[in-house]
Amino acid sequence: MSKGFCSALLISAVALIHMGLAQAGAIDDAVRRGVLKVGTTPTYVPFEMTDKQGHIVGFEIDLLKVMSQALGVELELVAVPYTELVAGLLAKKFDLIGSGMTVTQERNLKLNFSDSFIVVGQSVLLHPRLAGKVSSVEDLDDATYRIATTEGTTGESAARRFLGAARLSTFATPEEGVRQVVLGQADAFIHDAPYNLIALSRPENGALLALEQPFTFEPLAFGLKKGDFDSLNWINHFLNQVAQDGTYDHLHDKWFRDTAWMKEID
């Protein structure tokens, strides 16, 4: 074998190694650095939120903690506004999105999604003056009604799709949207059903009414950069494992059946 041919093989091998490193997925990167970086917007009760000590907690956060433990790495949560999550992922500010993100066809053009870890839907909170006047979301499709939603969410998309005749306003956080209805400055608030049920249980929102039956079908999943199939494979196997070994049910009961955590939230 000639020296020239050996040199060519060596160069090719080095190039392949560098190419492999360059194409390493999010999970491989996290294991290599010892930290899994996750982009999240901690305003979605009970999935991700901030407790009285300033810690980000919630059902999805606990899932991510178990995921990090399975990887043998630390979990680093990168808090950003919801509208900046996709851009942050594409800019490599974090490895994946874990922020109660609904899988939609539009988002799927920009991201790959894991298997869904829960299915939710949009529901409606109403001002008490609408008692007896509104019994379904269709009744709100009228120019006399003011609808509040959270900017960049599927609640906003659903309102634009189903309530084209109503007057729509968007707010940075769901808390602000609910507050608009409490103050009478909006007639209804549209958001994910789990959040609305918990918001309704808070004393300051006790007078509100609810159309509790969700009117959309929305699977929530983790978002990754397109083409990162190795990471998708690992995460999907992880989700299947925790579903089978009881971990998922334990966490689900903690956040959706037990209410002890609510006293730790502002």
C-alpha atoms as a PDB file:
ATOM      1  CA  MET A   1       0.000   0.000   0.000  1.00  0.00           C
ATOM      2  CA  SER A   2       1.450   3.355  -0.989  1.00  0.00           C
ATOM      3  CA  LYS A   3       2.126   6.152   1.456  1.00  0.00           C
ATOM      4  CA  GLY A   4      -0.116   8.398  -0.610  1.00  0.00           C
ATOM      5  CA  PHE A   5      -3.016   5.960  -0.364  1.00  0.00           C
ATOM      6  CA  CYS A   6      -2.490   5.572   3.404  1.00  0.00           C
ATOM      7  CA  SER A   7      -2.497   9.345   3.783  1.00  0.00           C
ATOM      8  CA  ALA A   8      -5.724   9.584   1.814  1.00  0.00           C
ATOM      9  CA  LEU A   9      -7.358   6.970   4.048  1.00  0.00           C
ATOM     10  CA  LEU A  10      -6.215   8.809   7.176  1.00  0.00           C
ATOM     11  CA  ILE A  11      -7.555  12.116   5.904  1.00  0.00           C
ATOM     12  CA  SER A  12     -10.874  10.484   5.021  1.00  0.00           C
ATOM     13  CA  ALA A  13     -11.137   8.876   8.456  1.00  0.00           C
ATOM     14  CA  VAL A  14     -10.458  12.179  10.213  1.00  0.00           C
ATOM     15  CA  ALA A  15     -13.037  13.900   8.002  1.00  0.00           C
ATOM     16  CA  LEU A  16     -15.645  11.280   8.853  1.00  0.00           C
ATOM     17  CA  ILE A  17     -14.957  11.669  12.569  1.00  0.00           C
ATOM     18  CA  HIS A  18     -15.377  15.439  12.350  1.00  0.00           C
ATOM     19  CA  MET A  19     -18.509  15.017  10.258  1.00  0.00           C
ATOM     20  CA  GLY A  20     -19.937  12.648  12.861  1.00  0.00           C
ATOM     21  CA  LEU A  21     -19.239  15.141  15.633  1.00  0.00           C
ATOM     22  CA  ALA A  22     -20.790  17.947  13.607  1.00  0.00           C
ATOM     23  CA  GLN A  23     -23.933  15.872  13.033  1.00  0.00           C
ATOM     24  CA  ALA A  24     -24.226  14.610  16.617  1.00  0.00           C
ATOM     25  CA  GLY A  25     -27.747  14.993  17.956  1.00  0.00           C
ATOM     26  CA  ALA A  26     -29.029  16.892  20.954  1.00  0.00           C
ATOM     27  CA  ILE A  27     -28.934  13.875  23.253  1.00  0.00           C
ATOM     28  CA  ASP A  28     -25.342  13.047  22.250  1.00  0.00           C
ATOM     29  CA  ASP A  29     -24.342  16.681  22.811  1.00  0.00           C
ATOM     30  CA  ALA A  30     -25.969  16.678  26.258  1.00  0.00           C
ATOM     31  CA  VAL A  31     -24.158  13.491  27.299  1.00  0.00           C
ATOM     32  CA  ARG A  32     -20.860  14.866  26.006  1.00  0.00           C
ATOM     33  CA  ARG A  33     -21.127  18.119  28.003  1.00  0.00           C
ATOM     34  CA  GLY A  34     -22.880  16.548  31.004  1.00  0.00           C
ATOM     35  CA  VAL A  35     -25.843  18.950  30.815  1.00  0.00           C
ATOM     36  CA  LEU A  36     -29.203  18.756  29.044  1.00  0.00           C
ATOM     37  CA  LYS A  37     -30.306  22.284  28.112  1.00  0.00           C
ATOM     38  CA  VAL A  38     -34.052  22.718  27.699  1.00  0.00           C
ATOM     39  CA  GLY A  39     -35.883  25.812  26.502  1.00  0.00           C
ATOM     40  CA  THR A  40     -39.088  26.515  28.426  1.00  0.00           C
ATOM     41  CA  THR A  41     -41.589  29.252  29.219  1.00  0.00           C
ATOM     42  CA  PRO A  42     -42.545  28.803  32.890  1.00  0.00           C
ATOM     43  CA  THR A  43     -46.082  30.198  32.720  1.00  0.00           C
ATOM     44  CA  TYR A  44     -48.067  27.066  31.832  1.00  0.00           C
ATOM     45  CA  VAL A  45     -49.652  25.593  34.963  1.00  0.00           C
ATOM     46  CA  PRO A  46     -49.186  22.743  35.851  1.00  0.00           C
ATOM     47  CA  PHE A  47     -46.619  21.839  33.189  1.00  0.00           C
ATOM     48  CA  GLU A  48     -43.945  24.481  33.857  1.00  0.00           C
ATOM     49  CA  MET A  49     -44.237  27.376  36.311  1.00  0.00           C
ATOM     50  CA  THR A  50     -42.270  29.253  38.956  1.00  0.00           C
ATOM     51  CA  ASP A  51     -42.757  28.498  42.644  1.00  0.00           C
ATOM     52  CA  LYS A  52     -42.431  30.937  45.545  1.00  0.00           C
ATOM     53  CA  GLN A  53     -38.694  30.239  45.795  1.00  0.00           C
ATOM     54  CA  GLY A  54     -38.176  31.110  42.136  1.00  0.00           C
ATOM     55  CA  HIS A  55     -37.648  27.500  41.004  1.00  0.00           C
ATOM     56  CA  ILE A  56     -39.204  26.242  37.774  1.00  0.00           C
ATOM     57  CA  VAL A  57     -41.413  23.264  38.601  1.00  0.00           C
ATOM     58  CA  GLY A  58     -44.227  21.272  37.043  1.00  0.00           C
ATOM     59  CA  PHE A  59     -45.314  18.038  35.412  1.00  0.00           C
ATOM     60  CA  GLU A  60     -43.197  18.453  32.276  1.00  0.00           C
ATOM     61  CA  ILE A  61     -40.250  19.667  34.361  1.00  0.00           C
ATOM     62  CA  ASP A  62     -40.412  16.491  36.460  1.00  0.00           C
ATOM     63  CA  LEU A  63     -40.446  14.423  33.254  1.00  0.00           C
ATOM     64  CA  LEU A  64     -37.342  16.284  32.104  1.00  0.00           C
ATOM     65  CA  LYS A  65     -35.645  15.655  35.452  1.00  0.00           C
ATOM     66  CA  VAL A  66     -36.251  11.915  35.105  1.00  0.00           C
ATOM     67  CA  MET A  67     -34.999  12.115  31.512  1.00  0.00           C
ATOM     68  CA  SER A  68     -31.799  13.846  32.649  1.00  0.00           C
ATOM     69  CA  GLN A  69     -31.259  11.225  35.345  1.00  0.00           C
ATOM     70  CA  ALA A  70     -31.649   8.471  32.747  1.00  0.00           C
ATOM     71  CA  LEU A  71     -28.999  10.209  30.636  1.00  0.00           C
ATOM     72  CA  GLY A  72     -26.709  10.686  33.626  1.00  0.00           C
ATOM     73  CA  VAL A  73     -26.544  14.462  33.122  1.00  0.00           C
ATOM     74  CA  GLU A  74     -27.631  17.660  34.864  1.00  0.00           C
ATOM     75  CA  LEU A  75     -30.759  19.528  33.734  1.00  0.00           C
ATOM     76  CA  GLU A  76     -30.420  23.206  32.804  1.00  0.00           C
ATOM     77  CA  LEU A  77     -33.666  25.084  32.136  1.00  0.00           C
ATOM     78  CA  VAL A  78     -33.386  28.069  29.806  1.00  0.00           C
ATOM     79  CA  ALA A  79     -36.389  30.358  30.369  1.00  0.00           C
ATOM     80  CA  VAL A  80     -37.457  32.347  27.299  1.00  0.00           C
ATOM     81  CA  PRO A  81     -40.733  33.886  26.065  1.00  0.00           C
ATOM     82  CA  TYR A  82     -42.943  31.341  24.303  1.00  0.00           C
ATOM     83  CA  THR A  83     -42.668  33.142  20.970  1.00  0.00           C
ATOM     84  CA  GLU A  84     -38.855  32.759  21.087  1.00  0.00           C
ATOM     85  CA  LEU A  85     -38.684  29.007  21.724  1.00  0.00           C
ATOM     86  CA  VAL A  86     -38.380  27.859  18.116  1.00  0.00           C
ATOM     87  CA  ALA A  87     -35.851  30.548  17.222  1.00  0.00           C
ATOM     88  CA  GLY A  88     -33.838  29.695  20.344  1.00  0.00           C
ATOM     89  CA  LEU A  89     -33.705  26.016  19.434  1.00  0.00           C
ATOM     90  CA  LEU A  90     -32.615  26.759  15.863  1.00  0.00           C
ATOM     91  CA  ALA A  91     -29.951  29.130  17.220  1.00  0.00           C
ATOM     92  CA  LYS A  92     -28.633  26.285  19.447  1.00  0.00           C
ATOM     93  CA  LYS A  93     -29.386  28.127  22.701  1.00  0.00           C
ATOM     94  CA  PHE A  94     -30.723  24.829  24.058  1.00  0.00           C
ATOM     95  CA  ASP A  95     -30.976  21.172  23.034  1.00  0.00           C
ATOM     96  CA  LEU A  96     -34.731  20.762  22.928  1.00  0.00           C
ATOM     97  CA  ILE A  97     -38.010  22.488  23.716  1.00  0.00           C
ATOM     98  CA  GLY A  98     -39.929  21.325  26.791  1.00  0.00           C
ATOM     99  CA  SER A  99     -42.690  23.876  27.191  1.00  0.00           C
ATOM    100  CA  GLY A 100     -46.131  22.343  26.761  1.00  0.00           C
ATOM    101  CA  MET A 101     -45.796  22.719  22.988  1.00  0.00           C
ATOM    102  CA  THR A 102     -48.630  21.411  20.862  1.00  0.00           C
ATOM    103  CA  VAL A 103     -47.717  19.433  17.772  1.00  0.00           C
ATOM    104  CA  THR A 104     -49.101  21.304  14.763  1.00  0.00           C
ATOM    105  CA  GLN A 105     -48.482  20.909  11.044  1.00  0.00           C
ATOM    106  CA  GLU A 106     -47.078  24.438  10.883  1.00  0.00           C
ATOM    107  CA  ARG A 107     -44.585  23.833  13.687  1.00  0.00           C
ATOM    108  CA  ASN A 108     -43.709  20.431  12.273  1.00  0.00           C
ATOM    109  CA  LEU A 109     -42.361  22.151   9.152  1.00  0.00           C
ATOM    110  CA  LYS A 110     -39.693  23.734  11.379  1.00  0.00           C
ATOM    111  CA  LEU A 111     -39.216  21.079  14.083  1.00  0.00           C
ATOM    112  CA  ASN A 112     -39.249  17.357  14.732  1.00  0.00           C
ATOM    113  CA  PHE A 113     -41.488  16.283  17.596  1.00  0.00           C
ATOM    114  CA  SER A 114     -41.216  13.351  19.951  1.00  0.00           C
ATOM    115  CA  ASP A 115     -44.163  11.098  20.654  1.00  0.00           C
ATOM    116  CA  SER A 116     -46.833  12.932  22.605  1.00  0.00           C
ATOM    117  CA  PHE A 117     -46.600  12.704  26.405  1.00  0.00           C
ATOM    118  CA  ILE A 118     -50.151  14.015  27.001  1.00  0.00           C
ATOM    119  CA  VAL A 119     -53.165  15.175  24.994  1.00  0.00           C
ATOM    120  CA  VAL A 120     -55.024  18.347  25.938  1.00  0.00           C
ATOM    121  CA  GLY A 121     -57.484  20.693  24.221  1.00  0.00           C
ATOM    122  CA  GLN A 122     -58.639  24.284  24.324  1.00  0.00           C
ATOM    123  CA  SER A 123     -61.382  25.309  26.748  1.00  0.00           C
ATOM    124  CA  VAL A 124     -63.103  28.581  27.639  1.00  0.00           C
ATOM    125  CA  LEU A 125     -63.358  30.703  30.787  1.00  0.00           C
ATOM    126  CA  LEU A 126     -66.258  33.172  30.802  1.00  0.00           C
ATOM    127  CA  HIS A 127     -67.175  36.343  32.651  1.00  0.00           C
ATOM    128  CA  PRO A 128     -70.221  35.687  34.912  1.00  0.00           C
ATOM    129  CA  ARG A 129     -72.339  38.179  32.953  1.00  0.00           C
ATOM    130  CA  LEU A 130     -72.494  35.571  30.173  1.00  0.00           C
ATOM    131  CA  ALA A 131     -74.326  33.025  32.363  1.00  0.00           C
ATOM    132  CA  GLY A 132     -77.246  31.645  30.360  1.00  0.00           C
ATOM    133  CA  LYS A 133     -76.085  33.444  27.204  1.00  0.00           C
ATOM    134  CA  VAL A 134     -73.140  31.298  26.129  1.00  0.00           C
ATOM    135  CA  SER A 135     -73.280  27.497  26.217  1.00  0.00           C
ATOM    136  CA  SER A 136     -70.734  26.615  23.525  1.00  0.00           C
ATOM    137  CA  VAL A 137     -67.673  28.127  21.880  1.00  0.00           C
ATOM    138  CA  GLU A 138     -69.755  28.752  18.751  1.00  0.00           C
ATOM    139  CA  ASP A 139     -71.908  31.212  20.703  1.00  0.00           C
ATOM    140  CA  LEU A 140     -68.853  33.456  21.117  1.00  0.00           C
ATOM    141  CA  ASP A 141     -68.385  33.892  17.365  1.00  0.00           C
ATOM    142  CA  ASP A 142     -69.928  37.324  17.395  1.00  0.00           C
ATOM    143  CA  ALA A 143     -68.502  40.839  17.066  1.00  0.00           C
ATOM    144  CA  THR A 144     -70.033  41.830  20.399  1.00  0.00           C
ATOM    145  CA  TYR A 145     -67.656  39.509  22.280  1.00  0.00           C
ATOM    146  CA  ARG A 146     -64.064  40.255  23.310  1.00  0.00           C
ATOM    147  CA  ILE A 147     -61.812  37.208  23.458  1.00  0.00           C
ATOM    148  CA  ALA A 148     -58.462  37.049  25.307  1.00  0.00           C
ATOM    149  CA  THR A 149     -55.720  34.545  24.403  1.00  0.00           C
ATOM    150  CA  THR A 150     -52.009  34.039  25.035  1.00  0.00           C
ATOM    151  CA  GLU A 151     -49.713  35.213  22.261  1.00  0.00           C
ATOM    152  CA  GLY A 152     -48.170  32.514  20.068  1.00  0.00           C
ATOM    153  CA  THR A 153     -50.172  29.623  21.537  1.00  0.00           C
ATOM    154  CA  THR A 154     -52.618  27.214  19.967  1.00  0.00           C
ATOM    155  CA  GLY A 155     -55.265  29.008  22.032  1.00  0.00           C
ATOM    156  CA  GLU A 156     -54.675  32.065  19.858  1.00  0.00           C
ATOM    157  CA  SER A 157     -54.769  29.898  16.712  1.00  0.00           C
ATOM    158  CA  ALA A 158     -58.015  28.250  17.826  1.00  0.00           C
ATOM    159  CA  ALA A 159     -59.619  31.614  18.554  1.00  0.00           C
ATOM    160  CA  ARG A 160     -58.676  32.916  15.106  1.00  0.00           C
ATOM    161  CA  ARG A 161     -59.967  29.737  13.494  1.00  0.00           C
ATOM    162  CA  PHE A 162     -63.268  29.318  15.326  1.00  0.00           C
ATOM    163  CA  LEU A 163     -64.106  32.879  16.388  1.00  0.00           C
ATOM    164  CA  GLY A 164     -63.333  34.982  13.340  1.00  0.00           C
ATOM    165  CA  ALA A 165     -66.191  37.376  14.002  1.00  0.00           C
ATOM    166  CA  ALA A 166     -65.211  38.117  17.632  1.00  0.00           C
ATOM    167  CA  ARG A 167     -62.703  40.761  18.758  1.00  0.00           C
ATOM    168  CA  LEU A 168     -59.448  39.079  19.675  1.00  0.00           C
ATOM    169  CA  SER A 169     -56.708  40.364  22.010  1.00  0.00           C
ATOM    170  CA  THR A 170     -53.476  38.525  22.820  1.00  0.00           C
ATOM    171  CA  PHE A 171     -51.404  38.760  26.006  1.00  0.00           C
ATOM    172  CA  ALA A 172     -47.892  37.703  26.951  1.00  0.00           C
ATOM    173  CA  THR A 173     -48.971  35.274  29.704  1.00  0.00           C
ATOM    174  CA  PRO A 174     -52.126  33.275  30.446  1.00  0.00           C
ATOM    175  CA  GLU A 175     -52.362  34.996  33.829  1.00  0.00           C
ATOM    176  CA  GLU A 176     -52.811  38.318  32.053  1.00  0.00           C
ATOM    177  CA  GLY A 177     -55.503  36.832  29.823  1.00  0.00           C
ATOM    178  CA  VAL A 178     -57.485  35.446  32.760  1.00  0.00           C
ATOM    179  CA  ARG A 179     -57.114  38.769  34.551  1.00  0.00           C
ATOM    180  CA  GLN A 180     -58.767  40.548  31.621  1.00  0.00           C
ATOM    181  CA  VAL A 181     -61.876  38.410  32.069  1.00  0.00           C
ATOM    182  CA  VAL A 182     -61.897  38.859  35.853  1.00  0.00           C
ATOM    183  CA  LEU A 183     -61.780  42.636  35.380  1.00  0.00           C
ATOM    184  CA  GLY A 184     -64.550  42.506  32.786  1.00  0.00           C
ATOM    185  CA  GLN A 185     -62.292  43.858  30.053  1.00  0.00           C
ATOM    186  CA  ALA A 186     -62.721  40.611  28.091  1.00  0.00           C
ATOM    187  CA  ASP A 187     -65.718  38.300  27.858  1.00  0.00           C
ATOM    188  CA  ALA A 188     -63.816  35.044  27.528  1.00  0.00           C
ATOM    189  CA  PHE A 189     -60.345  33.514  27.742  1.00  0.00           C
ATOM    190  CA  ILE A 190     -59.253  30.571  25.596  1.00  0.00           C
ATOM    191  CA  HIS A 191     -56.384  28.348  26.703  1.00  0.00           C
ATOM    192  CA  ASP A 192     -55.439  24.713  27.347  1.00  0.00           C
ATOM    193  CA  ALA A 193     -57.993  22.904  29.505  1.00  0.00           C
ATOM    194  CA  PRO A 194     -55.620  21.821  32.330  1.00  0.00           C
ATOM    195  CA  TYR A 195     -54.499  25.407  32.868  1.00  0.00           C
ATOM    196  CA  ASN A 196     -58.052  26.760  32.832  1.00  0.00           C
ATOM    197  CA  LEU A 197     -59.293  24.197  35.357  1.00  0.00           C
ATOM    198  CA  ILE A 198     -56.534  25.149  37.782  1.00  0.00           C
ATOM    199  CA  ALA A 199     -57.013  28.885  37.145  1.00  0.00           C
ATOM    200  CA  LEU A 200     -60.696  28.452  37.965  1.00  0.00           C
ATOM    201  CA  SER A 201     -59.786  26.962  41.362  1.00  0.00           C
ATOM    202  CA  ARG A 202     -57.913  30.096  42.455  1.00  0.00           C
ATOM    203  CA  PRO A 203     -59.917  32.351  44.823  1.00  0.00           C
ATOM    204  CA  GLU A 204     -59.385  35.471  42.722  1.00  0.00           C
ATOM    205  CA  ASN A 205     -60.959  33.717  39.725  1.00  0.00           C
ATOM    206  CA  GLY A 206     -63.763  32.000  41.610  1.00  0.00           C
ATOM    207  CA  ALA A 207     -66.560  34.028  40.002  1.00  0.00           C
ATOM    208  CA  LEU A 208     -65.641  32.950  36.477  1.00  0.00           C
ATOM    209  CA  LEU A 209     -67.649  30.386  34.547  1.00  0.00           C
ATOM    210  CA  ALA A 210     -66.239  27.617  32.376  1.00  0.00           C
ATOM    211  CA  LEU A 211     -67.072  25.698  29.244  1.00  0.00           C
ATOM    212  CA  GLU A 212     -65.024  22.772  30.472  1.00  0.00           C
ATOM    213  CA  GLN A 213     -65.390  20.480  27.455  1.00  0.00           C
ATOM    214  CA  PRO A 214     -62.315  21.010  25.218  1.00  0.00           C
ATOM    215  CA  PHE A 215     -63.153  21.924  21.623  1.00  0.00           C
ATOM    216  CA  THR A 216     -59.792  20.934  20.082  1.00  0.00           C
ATOM    217  CA  PHE A 217     -57.486  17.891  20.153  1.00  0.00           C
ATOM    218  CA  GLU A 218     -53.882  18.819  20.949  1.00  0.00           C
ATOM    219  CA  PRO A 219     -50.993  16.415  21.630  1.00  0.00           C
ATOM    220  CA  LEU A 220     -48.073  17.944  23.568  1.00  0.00           C
ATOM    221  CA  ALA A 221     -44.519  16.802  22.823  1.00  0.00           C
ATOM    222  CA  PHE A 222     -40.842  17.706  23.046  1.00  0.00           C
ATOM    223  CA  GLY A 223     -39.466  19.687  20.112  1.00  0.00           C
ATOM    224  CA  LEU A 224     -36.071  19.062  18.482  1.00  0.00           C
ATOM    225  CA  LYS A 225     -34.216  20.332  15.442  1.00  0.00           C
ATOM    226  CA  LYS A 226     -35.232  18.723  12.161  1.00  0.00           C
ATOM    227  CA  GLY A 227     -33.252  15.636  11.228  1.00  0.00           C
ATOM    228  CA  ASP A 228     -32.241  14.724  14.799  1.00  0.00           C
ATOM    229  CA  PHE A 229     -33.637  11.198  14.552  1.00  0.00           C
ATOM    230  CA  ASP A 230     -31.196   9.645  17.037  1.00  0.00           C
ATOM    231  CA  SER A 231     -32.455  11.972  19.767  1.00  0.00           C
ATOM    232  CA  LEU A 232     -36.077  11.332  18.793  1.00  0.00           C
ATOM    233  CA  ASN A 233     -35.453   7.599  19.019  1.00  0.00           C
ATOM    234  CA  TRP A 234     -33.935   7.894  22.504  1.00  0.00           C
ATOM    235  CA  ILE A 235     -36.675  10.203  23.831  1.00  0.00           C
ATOM    236  CA  ASN A 236     -39.475   8.040  22.428  1.00  0.00           C
ATOM    237  CA  HIS A 237     -38.000   4.952  24.071  1.00  0.00           C
ATOM    238  CA  PHE A 238     -37.659   6.924  27.315  1.00  0.00           C
ATOM    239  CA  LEU A 239     -41.343   7.961  27.178  1.00  0.00           C
ATOM    240  CA  ASN A 240     -42.368   4.369  26.568  1.00  0.00           C
ATOM    241  CA  GLN A 241     -40.232   3.177  29.492  1.00  0.00           C
ATOM    242  CA  VAL A 242     -41.667   5.654  32.027  1.00  0.00           C
ATOM    243  CA  ALA A 243     -45.192   4.840  30.806  1.00  0.00           C
ATOM    244  CA  GLN A 244     -44.596   1.143  31.455  1.00  0.00           C
ATOM    245  CA  ASP A 245     -42.745   1.288  34.791  1.00  0.00           C
ATOM    246  CA  GLY A 246     -45.239   3.522  36.631  1.00  0.00           C
ATOM    247  CA  THR A 247     -43.109   6.685  36.656  1.00  0.00           C
ATOM    248  CA  TYR A 248     -45.462   8.561  34.342  1.00  0.00           C
ATOM    249  CA  ASP A 249     -48.577   7.681  36.356  1.00  0.00           C
ATOM    250  CA  HIS A 250     -46.859   8.766  39.584  1.00  0.00           C
ATOM    251  CA  LEU A 251     -45.944  12.163  38.123  1.00  0.00           C
ATOM    252  CA  HIS A 252     -49.348  12.597  36.497  1.00  0.00           C
ATOM    253  CA  ASP A 253     -51.131  11.969  39.802  1.00  0.00           C
ATOM    254  CA  LYS A 254     -48.788  14.378  41.591  1.00  0.00           C
ATOM    255  CA  TRP A 255     -49.669  17.281  39.295  1.00  0.00           C
ATOM    256  CA  PHE A 256     -53.209  16.522  38.080  1.00  0.00           C
ATOM    257  CA  ARG A 257     -54.868  14.757  41.019  1.00  0.00           C
ATOM    258  CA  ASP A 258     -53.051  16.015  44.108  1.00  0.00           C
ATOM    259  CA  THR A 259     -53.322  19.750  44.836  1.00  0.00           C
ATOM    260  CA  ALA A 260     -50.634  20.007  47.540  1.00  0.00           C
ATOM    261  CA  TRP A 261     -48.242  21.728  45.107  1.00  0.00           C
ATOM    262  CA  MET A 262     -50.602  24.676  44.633  1.00  0.00           C
ATOM    263  CA  LYS A 263     -49.691  26.238  47.983  1.00  0.00           C
ATOM    264  CA  GLU A 264     -46.084  26.569  46.746  1.00  0.00           C
ATOM    265  CA  ILE A 265     -47.111  28.564  43.679  1.00  0.00           C
ATOM    266  CA  ASP A 266     -47.742  32.297  43.704  1.00  0.00           C
END
